[in-house]
């Protein structure tokens, strides 16, 4: 069975310890690194071939850092612990295709506007 490789990043020691203990109980999960600063996180993801990064969201600026990790060149999921460890978020990069149906000039313009609005 392939083990899911996990990096713990940028979280208080107590929270990291709790999550590491939870992971240790599962035979298919393994913590491959623990990073205290996000500067080395991309390097650690590449070096360890991590499948998942678990981190804490301290601010909205941290969300931009999380999403940039998705472009490390390998499939990666990011689990973010938020709201004082009461909520979680999952970041992932995945293709998405939506059928637009028959196209006319009007429906093309509407699709362009809808696509632009969904990125705001």
PDB file of N, CA and C in Angstrom:
ATOM      1  N   UNK A   1       0.842  -1.173   0.000  1.00  0.00           N
ATOM      2  CA  UNK A   1       0.000   0.000   0.000  1.00  0.00           C
ATOM      3  C   UNK A   1       0.894   1.244   0.000  1.00  0.00           C
ATOM      4  N   UNK A   2       0.615   2.160  -0.937  1.00  0.00           N
ATOM      5  CA  UNK A   2       1.372   3.404  -1.020  1.00  0.00           C
ATOM      6  C   UNK A   2       0.996   4.305   0.153  1.00  0.00           C
ATOM      7  N   UNK A   3       2.017   4.817   0.800  1.00  0.00           N
ATOM      8  CA  UNK A   3       1.763   5.734   1.909  1.00  0.00           C
ATOM      9  C   UNK A   3       1.531   7.146   1.385  1.00  0.00           C
ATOM     10  N   UNK A   4       0.605   7.830   2.005  1.00  0.00           N
ATOM     11  CA  UNK A   4       0.335   9.222   1.674  1.00  0.00           C
ATOM     12  C   UNK A   4       1.335  10.061   2.454  1.00  0.00           C
ATOM     13  N   UNK A   5       2.148  10.817   1.706  1.00  0.00           N
ATOM     14  CA  UNK A   5       3.258  11.580   2.279  1.00  0.00           C
ATOM     15  C   UNK A   5       2.769  12.979   2.656  1.00  0.00           C
ATOM     16  N   UNK A   6       2.966  13.355   3.923  1.00  0.00           N
ATOM     17  CA  UNK A   6       2.390  14.580   4.476  1.00  0.00           C
ATOM     18  C   UNK A   6       3.487  15.476   5.038  1.00  0.00           C
ATOM     19  N   UNK A   7       3.370  16.771   4.769  1.00  0.00           N
ATOM     20  CA  UNK A   7       4.221  17.781   5.401  1.00  0.00           C
ATOM     21  C   UNK A   7       3.334  18.613   6.318  1.00  0.00           C
ATOM     22  N   UNK A   8       3.781  18.830   7.531  1.00  0.00           N
ATOM     23  CA  UNK A   8       3.128  19.747   8.453  1.00  0.00           C
ATOM     24  C   UNK A   8       3.874  21.072   8.362  1.00  0.00           C
ATOM     25  N   UNK A   9       3.146  22.178   8.169  1.00  0.00           N
ATOM     26  CA  UNK A   9       3.810  23.457   7.931  1.00  0.00           C
ATOM     27  C   UNK A   9       3.148  24.605   8.676  1.00  0.00           C
ATOM     28  N   UNK A  10       3.996  25.471   9.207  1.00  0.00           N
ATOM     29  CA  UNK A  10       3.555  26.751   9.774  1.00  0.00           C
ATOM     30  C   UNK A  10       2.376  26.638  10.736  1.00  0.00           C
ATOM     31  N   UNK A  11       2.543  25.819  11.757  1.00  0.00           N
ATOM     32  CA  UNK A  11       1.488  25.728  12.758  1.00  0.00           C
ATOM     33  C   UNK A  11       2.117  25.670  14.148  1.00  0.00           C
ATOM     34  N   UNK A  12       1.367  26.063  15.158  1.00  0.00           N
ATOM     35  CA  UNK A  12       1.897  25.985  16.522  1.00  0.00           C
ATOM     36  C   UNK A  12       2.285  24.547  16.873  1.00  0.00           C
ATOM     37  N   UNK A  13       3.279  24.417  17.724  1.00  0.00           N
ATOM     38  CA  UNK A  13       3.808  23.093  18.081  1.00  0.00           C
ATOM     39  C   UNK A  13       2.722  22.162  18.614  1.00  0.00           C
ATOM     40  N   UNK A  14       1.845  22.666  19.471  1.00  0.00           N
ATOM     41  CA  UNK A  14       0.810  21.815  20.056  1.00  0.00           C
ATOM     42  C   UNK A  14      -0.124  21.268  18.977  1.00  0.00           C
ATOM     43  N   UNK A  15      -0.554  22.119  18.052  1.00  0.00           N
ATOM     44  CA  UNK A  15      -1.434  21.674  16.977  1.00  0.00           C
ATOM     45  C   UNK A  15      -0.705  20.671  16.092  1.00  0.00           C
ATOM     46  N   UNK A  16       0.556  20.942  15.779  1.00  0.00           N
ATOM     47  CA  UNK A  16       1.342  20.014  14.982  1.00  0.00           C
ATOM     48  C   UNK A  16       1.483  18.656  15.650  1.00  0.00           C
ATOM     49  N   UNK A  17       1.701  18.667  16.957  1.00  0.00           N
ATOM     50  CA  UNK A  17       1.814  17.410  17.704  1.00  0.00           C
ATOM     51  C   UNK A  17       0.508  16.621  17.671  1.00  0.00           C
ATOM     52  N   UNK A  18      -0.599  17.307  17.838  1.00  0.00           N
ATOM     53  CA  UNK A  18      -1.905  16.637  17.815  1.00  0.00           C
ATOM     54  C   UNK A  18      -2.150  16.000  16.447  1.00  0.00           C
ATOM     55  N   UNK A  19      -1.889  16.759  15.390  1.00  0.00           N
ATOM     56  CA  UNK A  19      -2.109  16.230  14.038  1.00  0.00           C
ATOM     57  C   UNK A  19      -1.150  15.072  13.764  1.00  0.00           C
ATOM     58  N   UNK A  20       0.109  15.195  14.180  1.00  0.00           N
ATOM     59  CA  UNK A  20       1.081  14.118  13.978  1.00  0.00           C
ATOM     60  C   UNK A  20       0.642  12.842  14.693  1.00  0.00           C
ATOM     61  N   UNK A  21       0.076  12.985  15.884  1.00  0.00           N
ATOM     62  CA  UNK A  21      -0.416  11.809  16.619  1.00  0.00           C
ATOM     63  C   UNK A  21      -1.583  11.154  15.890  1.00  0.00           C
ATOM     64  N   UNK A  22      -2.471  11.947  15.336  1.00  0.00           N
ATOM     65  CA  UNK A  22      -3.607  11.409  14.573  1.00  0.00           C
ATOM     66  C   UNK A  22      -3.089  10.646  13.357  1.00  0.00           C
ATOM     67  N   UNK A  23      -2.141  11.247  12.648  1.00  0.00           N
ATOM     68  CA  UNK A  23      -1.574  10.627  11.448  1.00  0.00           C
ATOM     69  C   UNK A  23      -0.847   9.329  11.790  1.00  0.00           C
ATOM     70  N   UNK A  24      -0.125   9.320  12.906  1.00  0.00           N
ATOM     71  CA  UNK A  24       0.653   8.143  13.306  1.00  0.00           C
ATOM     72  C   UNK A  24      -0.225   6.916  13.539  1.00  0.00           C
ATOM     73  N   UNK A  25      -1.489   7.105  13.839  1.00  0.00           N
ATOM     74  CA  UNK A  25      -2.409   5.999  14.071  1.00  0.00           C
ATOM     75  C   UNK A  25      -2.889   5.334  12.779  1.00  0.00           C
ATOM     76  N   UNK A  26      -2.594   5.950  11.648  1.00  0.00           N
ATOM     77  CA  UNK A  26      -3.074   5.452  10.358  1.00  0.00           C
ATOM     78  C   UNK A  26      -1.922   4.828   9.582  1.00  0.00           C
ATOM     79  N   UNK A  27      -2.089   3.578   9.149  1.00  0.00           N
ATOM     80  CA  UNK A  27      -0.999   2.855   8.491  1.00  0.00           C
ATOM     81  C   UNK A  27      -0.672   3.373   7.093  1.00  0.00           C
ATOM     82  N   UNK A  28      -1.590   4.094   6.463  1.00  0.00           N
ATOM     83  CA  UNK A  28      -1.333   4.583   5.108  1.00  0.00           C
ATOM     84  C   UNK A  28      -0.886   6.041   5.069  1.00  0.00           C
ATOM     85  N   UNK A  29      -0.699   6.665   6.229  1.00  0.00           N
ATOM     86  CA  UNK A  29      -0.279   8.062   6.309  1.00  0.00           C
ATOM     87  C   UNK A  29       1.084   8.162   6.974  1.00  0.00           C
ATOM     88  N   UNK A  30       1.922   9.093   6.479  1.00  0.00           N
ATOM     89  CA  UNK A  30       3.232   9.303   7.089  1.00  0.00           C
ATOM     90  C   UNK A  30       3.614  10.780   6.992  1.00  0.00           C
ATOM     91  N   UNK A  31       4.083  11.331   8.090  1.00  0.00           N
ATOM     92  CA  UNK A  31       4.614  12.695   8.095  1.00  0.00           C
ATOM     93  C   UNK A  31       6.056  12.609   7.623  1.00  0.00           C
ATOM     94  N   UNK A  32       6.351  13.268   6.502  1.00  0.00           N
ATOM     95  CA  UNK A  32       7.701  13.210   5.934  1.00  0.00           C
ATOM     96  C   UNK A  32       8.534  14.435   6.265  1.00  0.00           C
ATOM     97  N   UNK A  33       7.887  15.500   6.756  1.00  0.00           N
ATOM     98  CA  UNK A  33       8.636  16.693   7.146  1.00  0.00           C
ATOM     99  C   UNK A  33       7.727  17.604   7.968  1.00  0.00           C
ATOM    100  N   UNK A  34       8.361  18.454   8.742  1.00  0.00           N
ATOM    101  CA  UNK A  34       7.660  19.479   9.502  1.00  0.00           C
ATOM    102  C   UNK A  34       8.434  20.776   9.295  1.00  0.00           C
ATOM    103  N   UNK A  35       7.771  21.792   8.787  1.00  0.00           N
ATOM    104  CA  UNK A  35       8.412  23.045   8.401  1.00  0.00           C
ATOM    105  C   UNK A  35       7.850  24.166   9.261  1.00  0.00           C
ATOM    106  N   UNK A  36       8.731  24.985   9.837  1.00  0.00           N
ATOM    107  CA  UNK A  36       8.246  26.098  10.646  1.00  0.00           C
ATOM    108  C   UNK A  36       8.137  27.390   9.850  1.00  0.00           C
ATOM    109  N   UNK A  37       8.851  27.521   8.750  1.00  0.00           N
ATOM    110  CA  UNK A  37       8.770  28.713   7.912  1.00  0.00           C
ATOM    111  C   UNK A  37       8.354  28.343   6.505  1.00  0.00           C
ATOM    112  N   UNK A  38       7.522  29.157   5.883  1.00  0.00           N
ATOM    113  CA  UNK A  38       7.018  28.815   4.555  1.00  0.00           C
ATOM    114  C   UNK A  38       8.050  29.032   3.458  1.00  0.00           C
ATOM    115  N   UNK A  39       9.182  29.668   3.764  1.00  0.00           N
ATOM    116  CA  UNK A  39      10.185  29.949   2.734  1.00  0.00           C
ATOM    117  C   UNK A  39      10.721  28.673   2.100  1.00  0.00           C
ATOM    118  N   UNK A  40      10.866  27.618   2.874  1.00  0.00           N
ATOM    119  CA  UNK A  40      11.414  26.361   2.366  1.00  0.00           C
ATOM    120  C   UNK A  40      10.344  25.352   1.993  1.00  0.00           C
ATOM    121  N   UNK A  41       9.097  25.734   2.045  1.00  0.00           N
ATOM    122  CA  UNK A  41       8.015  24.778   1.854  1.00  0.00           C
ATOM    123  C   UNK A  41       7.982  24.199   0.435  1.00  0.00           C
ATOM    124  N   UNK A  42       8.128  25.036  -0.586  1.00  0.00           N
ATOM    125  CA  UNK A  42       8.124  24.514  -1.961  1.00  0.00           C
ATOM    126  C   UNK A  42       9.269  23.527  -2.165  1.00  0.00           C
ATOM    127  N   UNK A  43      10.434  23.858  -1.626  1.00  0.00           N
ATOM    128  CA  UNK A  43      11.583  22.959  -1.731  1.00  0.00           C
ATOM    129  C   UNK A  43      11.296  21.650  -1.020  1.00  0.00           C
ATOM    130  N   UNK A  44      10.690  21.736   0.163  1.00  0.00           N
ATOM    131  CA  UNK A  44      10.367  20.526   0.928  1.00  0.00           C
ATOM    132  C   UNK A  44       9.352  19.662   0.192  1.00  0.00           C
ATOM    133  N   UNK A  45       8.372  20.279  -0.452  1.00  0.00           N
ATOM    134  CA  UNK A  45       7.365  19.523  -1.213  1.00  0.00           C
ATOM    135  C   UNK A  45       8.045  18.737  -2.327  1.00  0.00           C
ATOM    136  N   UNK A  46       8.953  19.401  -3.041  1.00  0.00           N
ATOM    137  CA  UNK A  46       9.662  18.708  -4.137  1.00  0.00           C
ATOM    138  C   UNK A  46      10.581  17.621  -3.599  1.00  0.00           C
ATOM    139  N   UNK A  47      11.338  17.949  -2.554  1.00  0.00           N
ATOM    140  CA  UNK A  47      12.327  17.016  -2.003  1.00  0.00           C
ATOM    141  C   UNK A  47      11.677  15.761  -1.430  1.00  0.00           C
ATOM    142  N   UNK A  48      10.582  15.923  -0.716  1.00  0.00           N
ATOM    143  CA  UNK A  48       9.933  14.790  -0.047  1.00  0.00           C
ATOM    144  C   UNK A  48       8.883  14.101  -0.910  1.00  0.00           C
ATOM    145  N   UNK A  49       8.564  14.713  -2.058  1.00  0.00           N
ATOM    146  CA  UNK A  49       7.498  14.202  -2.923  1.00  0.00           C
ATOM    147  C   UNK A  49       6.178  14.098  -2.150  1.00  0.00           C
ATOM    148  N   UNK A  50       5.884  15.137  -1.382  1.00  0.00           N
ATOM    149  CA  UNK A  50       4.680  15.161  -0.543  1.00  0.00           C
ATOM    150  C   UNK A  50       3.415  15.111  -1.393  1.00  0.00           C
ATOM    151  N   UNK A  51       2.417  14.439  -0.859  1.00  0.00           N
ATOM    152  CA  UNK A  51       1.093  14.377  -1.479  1.00  0.00           C
ATOM    153  C   UNK A  51       0.165  15.421  -0.884  1.00  0.00           C
ATOM    154  N   UNK A  52       0.382  15.715   0.401  1.00  0.00           N
ATOM    155  CA  UNK A  52      -0.497  16.623   1.141  1.00  0.00           C
ATOM    156  C   UNK A  52       0.355  17.527   2.033  1.00  0.00           C
ATOM    157  N   UNK A  53      -0.020  18.793   2.079  1.00  0.00           N
ATOM    158  CA  UNK A  53       0.546  19.728   3.050  1.00  0.00           C
ATOM    159  C   UNK A  53      -0.581  20.097   3.994  1.00  0.00           C
ATOM    160  N   UNK A  54      -0.308  20.016   5.281  1.00  0.00           N
ATOM    161  CA  UNK A  54      -1.279  20.462   6.285  1.00  0.00           C
ATOM    162  C   UNK A  54      -0.685  21.691   6.951  1.00  0.00           C
ATOM    163  N   UNK A  55      -1.461  22.764   6.963  1.00  0.00           N
ATOM    164  CA  UNK A  55      -0.976  24.016   7.525  1.00  0.00           C
ATOM    165  C   UNK A  55      -2.120  24.734   8.225  1.00  0.00           C
ATOM    166  N   UNK A  56      -1.784  25.831   8.867  1.00  0.00           N
ATOM    167  CA  UNK A  56      -2.791  26.632   9.551  1.00  0.00           C
ATOM    168  C   UNK A  56      -2.940  27.945   8.817  1.00  0.00           C
ATOM    169  N   UNK A  57      -4.158  28.405   8.656  1.00  0.00           N
ATOM    170  CA  UNK A  57      -4.392  29.696   8.005  1.00  0.00           C
ATOM    171  C   UNK A  57      -4.423  30.774   9.061  1.00  0.00           C
ATOM    172  N   UNK A  58      -3.364  31.554   9.093  1.00  0.00           N
ATOM    173  CA  UNK A  58      -3.274  32.627  10.074  1.00  0.00           C
ATOM    174  C   UNK A  58      -3.870  33.925   9.546  1.00  0.00           C
ATOM    175  N   UNK A  59      -3.915  34.090   8.201  1.00  0.00           N
ATOM    176  CA  UNK A  59      -4.411  35.327   7.620  1.00  0.00           C
ATOM    177  C   UNK A  59      -4.838  35.084   6.177  1.00  0.00           C
ATOM    178  N   UNK A  60      -5.455  36.085   5.586  1.00  0.00           N
ATOM    179  CA  UNK A  60      -5.841  35.995   4.182  1.00  0.00           C
ATOM    180  C   UNK A  60      -4.610  35.953   3.286  1.00  0.00           C
ATOM    181  N   UNK A  61      -3.526  36.622   3.692  1.00  0.00           N
ATOM    182  CA  UNK A  61      -2.295  36.600   2.914  1.00  0.00           C
ATOM    183  C   UNK A  61      -1.744  35.172   2.830  1.00  0.00           C
ATOM    184  N   UNK A  62      -1.959  34.391   3.868  1.00  0.00           N
ATOM    185  CA  UNK A  62      -1.486  33.003   3.870  1.00  0.00           C
ATOM    186  C   UNK A  62      -2.189  32.189   2.795  1.00  0.00           C
ATOM    187  N   UNK A  63      -3.419  32.537   2.465  1.00  0.00           N
ATOM    188  CA  UNK A  63      -4.151  31.806   1.428  1.00  0.00           C
ATOM    189  C   UNK A  63      -3.438  31.901   0.086  1.00  0.00           C
ATOM    190  N   UNK A  64      -2.842  33.042  -0.219  1.00  0.00           N
ATOM    191  CA  UNK A  64      -2.098  33.187  -1.479  1.00  0.00           C
ATOM    192  C   UNK A  64      -0.887  32.268  -1.489  1.00  0.00           C
ATOM    193  N   UNK A  65      -0.231  32.125  -0.357  1.00  0.00           N
ATOM    194  CA  UNK A  65       0.914  31.220  -0.253  1.00  0.00           C
ATOM    195  C   UNK A  65       0.454  29.789  -0.470  1.00  0.00           C
ATOM    196  N   UNK A  66      -0.678  29.435   0.099  1.00  0.00           N
ATOM    197  CA  UNK A  66      -1.203  28.078  -0.046  1.00  0.00           C
ATOM    198  C   UNK A  66      -1.459  27.763  -1.519  1.00  0.00           C
ATOM    199  N   UNK A  67      -2.127  28.665  -2.209  1.00  0.00           N
ATOM    200  CA  UNK A  67      -2.459  28.375  -3.595  1.00  0.00           C
ATOM    201  C   UNK A  67      -1.224  28.329  -4.482  1.00  0.00           C
ATOM    202  N   UNK A  68      -0.197  29.099  -4.168  1.00  0.00           N
ATOM    203  CA  UNK A  68       1.018  29.041  -4.994  1.00  0.00           C
ATOM    204  C   UNK A  68       1.698  27.683  -4.883  1.00  0.00           C
ATOM    205  N   UNK A  69       1.504  26.995  -3.784  1.00  0.00           N
ATOM    206  CA  UNK A  69       2.078  25.657  -3.624  1.00  0.00           C
ATOM    207  C   UNK A  69       1.490  24.649  -4.602  1.00  0.00           C
ATOM    208  N   UNK A  70       0.294  24.919  -5.075  1.00  0.00           N
ATOM    209  CA  UNK A  70      -0.362  23.999  -5.988  1.00  0.00           C
ATOM    210  C   UNK A  70       0.364  23.911  -7.334  1.00  0.00           C
ATOM    211  N   UNK A  71       1.260  24.858  -7.590  1.00  0.00           N
ATOM    212  CA  UNK A  71       1.986  24.898  -8.853  1.00  0.00           C
ATOM    213  C   UNK A  71       3.426  24.403  -8.699  1.00  0.00           C
ATOM    214  N   UNK A  72       3.643  23.420  -7.845  1.00  0.00           N
ATOM    215  CA  UNK A  72       4.989  22.886  -7.631  1.00  0.00           C
ATOM    216  C   UNK A  72       5.379  21.864  -8.680  1.00  0.00           C
ATOM    217  N   UNK A  73       4.497  21.534  -9.585  1.00  0.00           N
ATOM    218  CA  UNK A  73       4.812  20.604 -10.654  1.00  0.00           C
ATOM    219  C   UNK A  73       4.422  19.169 -10.369  1.00  0.00           C
ATOM    220  N   UNK A  74       3.776  18.923  -9.263  1.00  0.00           N
ATOM    221  CA  UNK A  74       3.294  17.578  -8.945  1.00  0.00           C
ATOM    222  C   UNK A  74       1.927  17.714  -8.301  1.00  0.00           C
ATOM    223  N   UNK A  75       1.095  16.686  -8.410  1.00  0.00           N
ATOM    224  CA  UNK A  75      -0.230  16.774  -7.772  1.00  0.00           C
ATOM    225  C   UNK A  75      -0.078  16.969  -6.266  1.00  0.00           C
ATOM    226  N   UNK A  76      -0.748  17.931  -5.738  1.00  0.00           N
ATOM    227  CA  UNK A  76      -0.634  18.251  -4.317  1.00  0.00           C
ATOM    228  C   UNK A  76      -1.973  18.747  -3.811  1.00  0.00           C
ATOM    229  N   UNK A  77      -2.317  18.354  -2.624  1.00  0.00           N
ATOM    230  CA  UNK A  77      -3.506  18.868  -1.937  1.00  0.00           C
ATOM    231  C   UNK A  77      -3.015  19.598  -0.689  1.00  0.00           C
ATOM    232  N   UNK A  78      -3.728  20.635  -0.320  1.00  0.00           N
ATOM    233  CA  UNK A  78      -3.365  21.387   0.880  1.00  0.00           C
ATOM    234  C   UNK A  78      -4.573  21.411   1.801  1.00  0.00           C
ATOM    235  N   UNK A  79      -4.393  20.889   3.000  1.00  0.00           N
ATOM    236  CA  UNK A  79      -5.437  20.932   4.018  1.00  0.00           C
ATOM    237  C   UNK A  79      -5.066  22.069   4.957  1.00  0.00           C
ATOM    238  N   UNK A  80      -5.976  23.017   5.102  1.00  0.00           N
ATOM    239  CA  UNK A  80      -5.718  24.191   5.928  1.00  0.00           C
ATOM    240  C   UNK A  80      -6.619  24.130   7.157  1.00  0.00           C
ATOM    241  N   UNK A  81      -5.991  24.225   8.312  1.00  0.00           N
ATOM    242  CA  UNK A  81      -6.718  24.279   9.576  1.00  0.00           C
ATOM    243  C   UNK A  81      -7.045  25.751   9.828  1.00  0.00           C
ATOM    244  N   UNK A  82      -8.309  26.072  10.007  1.00  0.00           N
ATOM    245  CA  UNK A  82      -8.739  27.464  10.158  1.00  0.00           C
ATOM    246  C   UNK A  82      -9.645  27.614  11.373  1.00  0.00           C
ATOM    247  N   UNK A  83      -9.935  28.857  11.699  1.00  0.00           N
ATOM    248  CA  UNK A  83     -10.901  29.185  12.749  1.00  0.00           C
ATOM    249  C   UNK A  83     -10.552  28.494  14.060  1.00  0.00           C
ATOM    250  N   UNK A  84      -9.303  28.685  14.512  1.00  0.00           N
ATOM    251  CA  UNK A  84      -8.826  28.085  15.769  1.00  0.00           C
ATOM    252  C   UNK A  84      -9.040  26.575  15.808  1.00  0.00           C
ATOM    253  N   UNK A  85      -8.743  25.921  14.682  1.00  0.00           N
ATOM    254  CA  UNK A  85      -8.807  24.457  14.540  1.00  0.00           C
ATOM    255  C   UNK A  85     -10.235  23.911  14.600  1.00  0.00           C
ATOM    256  N   UNK A  86     -11.220  24.772  14.333  1.00  0.00           N
ATOM    257  CA  UNK A  86     -12.607  24.309  14.302  1.00  0.00           C
ATOM    258  C   UNK A  86     -13.094  24.044  12.882  1.00  0.00           C
ATOM    259  N   UNK A  87     -12.377  24.555  11.888  1.00  0.00           N
ATOM    260  CA  UNK A  87     -12.775  24.408  10.491  1.00  0.00           C
ATOM    261  C   UNK A  87     -11.579  23.970   9.661  1.00  0.00           C
ATOM    262  N   UNK A  88     -11.859  23.386   8.529  1.00  0.00           N
ATOM    263  CA  UNK A  88     -10.807  22.995   7.606  1.00  0.00           C
ATOM    264  C   UNK A  88     -11.160  23.393   6.186  1.00  0.00           C
ATOM    265  N   UNK A  89     -10.132  23.630   5.398  1.00  0.00           N
ATOM    266  CA  UNK A  89     -10.287  23.965   3.985  1.00  0.00           C
ATOM    267  C   UNK A  89      -9.417  23.023   3.178  1.00  0.00           C
ATOM    268  N   UNK A  90      -9.849  22.680   1.977  1.00  0.00           N
ATOM    269  CA  UNK A  90      -9.050  21.860   1.077  1.00  0.00           C
ATOM    270  C   UNK A  90      -8.770  22.664  -0.174  1.00  0.00           C
ATOM    271  N   UNK A  91      -7.488  22.872  -0.463  1.00  0.00           N
ATOM    272  CA  UNK A  91      -7.060  23.520  -1.695  1.00  0.00           C
ATOM    273  C   UNK A  91      -6.577  22.435  -2.649  1.00  0.00           C
ATOM    274  N   UNK A  92      -6.989  22.523  -3.902  1.00  0.00           N
ATOM    275  CA  UNK A  92      -6.502  21.599  -4.911  1.00  0.00           C
ATOM    276  C   UNK A  92      -6.597  22.266  -6.275  1.00  0.00           C
ATOM    277  N   UNK A  93      -5.738  21.838  -7.166  1.00  0.00           N
ATOM    278  CA  UNK A  93      -5.749  22.338  -8.524  1.00  0.00           C
ATOM    279  C   UNK A  93      -6.290  21.210  -9.395  1.00  0.00           C
ATOM    280  N   UNK A  94      -7.370  21.485 -10.090  1.00  0.00           N
ATOM    281  CA  UNK A  94      -7.949  20.426 -10.913  1.00  0.00           C
ATOM    282  C   UNK A  94      -8.633  21.028 -12.131  1.00  0.00           C
ATOM    283  N   UNK A  95      -8.595  20.298 -13.209  1.00  0.00           N
ATOM    284  CA  UNK A  95      -9.285  20.775 -14.404  1.00  0.00           C
ATOM    285  C   UNK A  95     -10.798  20.787 -14.170  1.00  0.00           C
ATOM    286  N   UNK A  96     -11.441  21.690 -14.808  1.00  0.00           N
ATOM    287  CA  UNK A  96     -12.898  21.780 -14.701  1.00  0.00           C
ATOM    288  C   UNK A  96     -13.452  22.112 -16.089  1.00  0.00           C
ATOM    289  N   UNK A  97     -14.446  21.376 -16.509  1.00  0.00           N
ATOM    290  CA  UNK A  97     -15.068  21.597 -17.811  1.00  0.00           C
ATOM    291  C   UNK A  97     -16.573  21.671 -17.609  1.00  0.00           C
ATOM    292  N   UNK A  98     -17.170  22.678 -18.201  1.00  0.00           N
ATOM    293  CA  UNK A  98     -18.621  22.844 -18.108  1.00  0.00           C
ATOM    294  C   UNK A  98     -19.187  22.956 -19.512  1.00  0.00           C
ATOM    295  N   UNK A  99     -20.169  22.147 -19.814  1.00  0.00           N
ATOM    296  CA  UNK A  99     -20.790  22.177 -21.152  1.00  0.00           C
ATOM    297  C   UNK A  99     -21.608  23.465 -21.281  1.00  0.00           C
ATOM    298  N   UNK A 100     -21.353  24.189 -22.364  1.00  0.00           N
ATOM    299  CA  UNK A 100     -22.051  25.449 -22.596  1.00  0.00           C
ATOM    300  C   UNK A 100     -23.289  25.278 -23.461  1.00  0.00           C
ATOM    301  N   UNK A 101     -23.381  24.159 -24.154  1.00  0.00           N
ATOM    302  CA  UNK A 101     -24.528  23.934 -25.030  1.00  0.00           C
ATOM    303  C   UNK A 101     -24.333  24.628 -26.363  1.00  0.00           C
ATOM    304  N   UNK A 102     -25.395  24.706 -27.154  1.00  0.00           N
ATOM    305  CA  UNK A 102     -25.286  25.344 -28.468  1.00  0.00           C
ATOM    306  C   UNK A 102     -24.838  26.799 -28.328  1.00  0.00           C
ATOM    307  N   UNK A 103     -23.891  27.194 -29.196  1.00  0.00           N
ATOM    308  CA  UNK A 103     -23.362  28.561 -29.121  1.00  0.00           C
ATOM    309  C   UNK A 103     -24.003  29.457 -30.165  1.00  0.00           C
ATOM    310  N   UNK A 104     -24.309  30.649 -29.734  1.00  0.00           N
ATOM    311  CA  UNK A 104     -24.723  31.741 -30.606  1.00  0.00           C
ATOM    312  C   UNK A 104     -23.891  32.939 -30.167  1.00  0.00           C
ATOM    313  N   UNK A 105     -23.987  34.019 -30.853  1.00  0.00           N
ATOM    314  CA  UNK A 105     -23.244  35.219 -30.444  1.00  0.00           C
ATOM    315  C   UNK A 105     -23.642  35.619 -29.021  1.00  0.00           C
ATOM    316  N   UNK A 106     -24.947  35.599 -28.738  1.00  0.00           N
ATOM    317  CA  UNK A 106     -25.417  35.996 -27.407  1.00  0.00           C
ATOM    318  C   UNK A 106     -24.952  35.032 -26.320  1.00  0.00           C
ATOM    319  N   UNK A 107     -25.037  33.713 -26.589  1.00  0.00           N
ATOM    320  CA  UNK A 107     -24.640  32.757 -25.557  1.00  0.00           C
ATOM    321  C   UNK A 107     -23.118  32.762 -25.349  1.00  0.00           C
ATOM    322  N   UNK A 108     -22.353  33.054 -26.414  1.00  0.00           N
ATOM    323  CA  UNK A 108     -20.905  33.177 -26.274  1.00  0.00           C
ATOM    324  C   UNK A 108     -20.553  34.355 -25.380  1.00  0.00           C
ATOM    325  N   UNK A 109     -21.165  35.491 -25.620  1.00  0.00           N
ATOM    326  CA  UNK A 109     -20.930  36.680 -24.797  1.00  0.00           C
ATOM    327  C   UNK A 109     -21.336  36.405 -23.346  1.00  0.00           C
ATOM    328  N   UNK A 110     -22.459  35.739 -23.142  1.00  0.00           N
ATOM    329  CA  UNK A 110     -22.904  35.406 -21.782  1.00  0.00           C
ATOM    330  C   UNK A 110     -21.909  34.477 -21.100  1.00  0.00           C
ATOM    331  N   UNK A 111     -21.369  33.498 -21.833  1.00  0.00           N
ATOM    332  CA  UNK A 111     -20.383  32.573 -21.265  1.00  0.00           C
ATOM    333  C   UNK A 111     -19.105  33.305 -20.885  1.00  0.00           C
ATOM    334  N   UNK A 112     -18.682  34.243 -21.718  1.00  0.00           N
ATOM    335  CA  UNK A 112     -17.486  35.038 -21.407  1.00  0.00           C
ATOM    336  C   UNK A 112     -17.707  35.849 -20.139  1.00  0.00           C
ATOM    337  N   UNK A 113     -18.834  36.465 -20.019  1.00  0.00           N
ATOM    338  CA  UNK A 113     -19.138  37.279 -18.818  1.00  0.00           C
ATOM    339  C   UNK A 113     -19.212  36.393 -17.577  1.00  0.00           C
ATOM    340  N   UNK A 114     -19.862  35.250 -17.690  1.00  0.00           N
ATOM    341  CA  UNK A 114     -19.980  34.339 -16.549  1.00  0.00           C
ATOM    342  C   UNK A 114     -18.614  33.834 -16.122  1.00  0.00           C
ATOM    343  N   UNK A 115     -17.751  33.517 -17.101  1.00  0.00           N
ATOM    344  CA  UNK A 115     -16.402  33.045 -16.770  1.00  0.00           C
ATOM    345  C   UNK A 115     -15.599  34.134 -16.074  1.00  0.00           C
ATOM    346  N   UNK A 116     -15.720  35.358 -16.549  1.00  0.00           N
ATOM    347  CA  UNK A 116     -14.992  36.473 -15.946  1.00  0.00           C
ATOM    348  C   UNK A 116     -15.477  36.751 -14.534  1.00  0.00           C
ATOM    349  N   UNK A 117     -16.788  36.656 -14.314  1.00  0.00           N
ATOM    350  CA  UNK A 117     -17.337  36.893 -12.985  1.00  0.00           C
ATOM    351  C   UNK A 117     -16.935  35.805 -11.991  1.00  0.00           C
ATOM    352  N   UNK A 118     -16.779  34.575 -12.476  1.00  0.00           N
ATOM    353  CA  UNK A 118     -16.434  33.472 -11.571  1.00  0.00           C
ATOM    354  C   UNK A 118     -14.979  33.542 -11.110  1.00  0.00           C
ATOM    355  N   UNK A 119     -14.152  34.371 -11.753  1.00  0.00           N
ATOM    356  CA  UNK A 119     -12.753  34.496 -11.331  1.00  0.00           C
ATOM    357  C   UNK A 119     -12.539  35.671 -10.399  1.00  0.00           C
ATOM    358  N   UNK A 120     -13.586  36.433 -10.131  1.00  0.00           N
ATOM    359  CA  UNK A 120     -13.435  37.598  -9.239  1.00  0.00           C
ATOM    360  C   UNK A 120     -13.510  37.197  -7.790  1.00  0.00           C
TER     361      UNK A 120
END
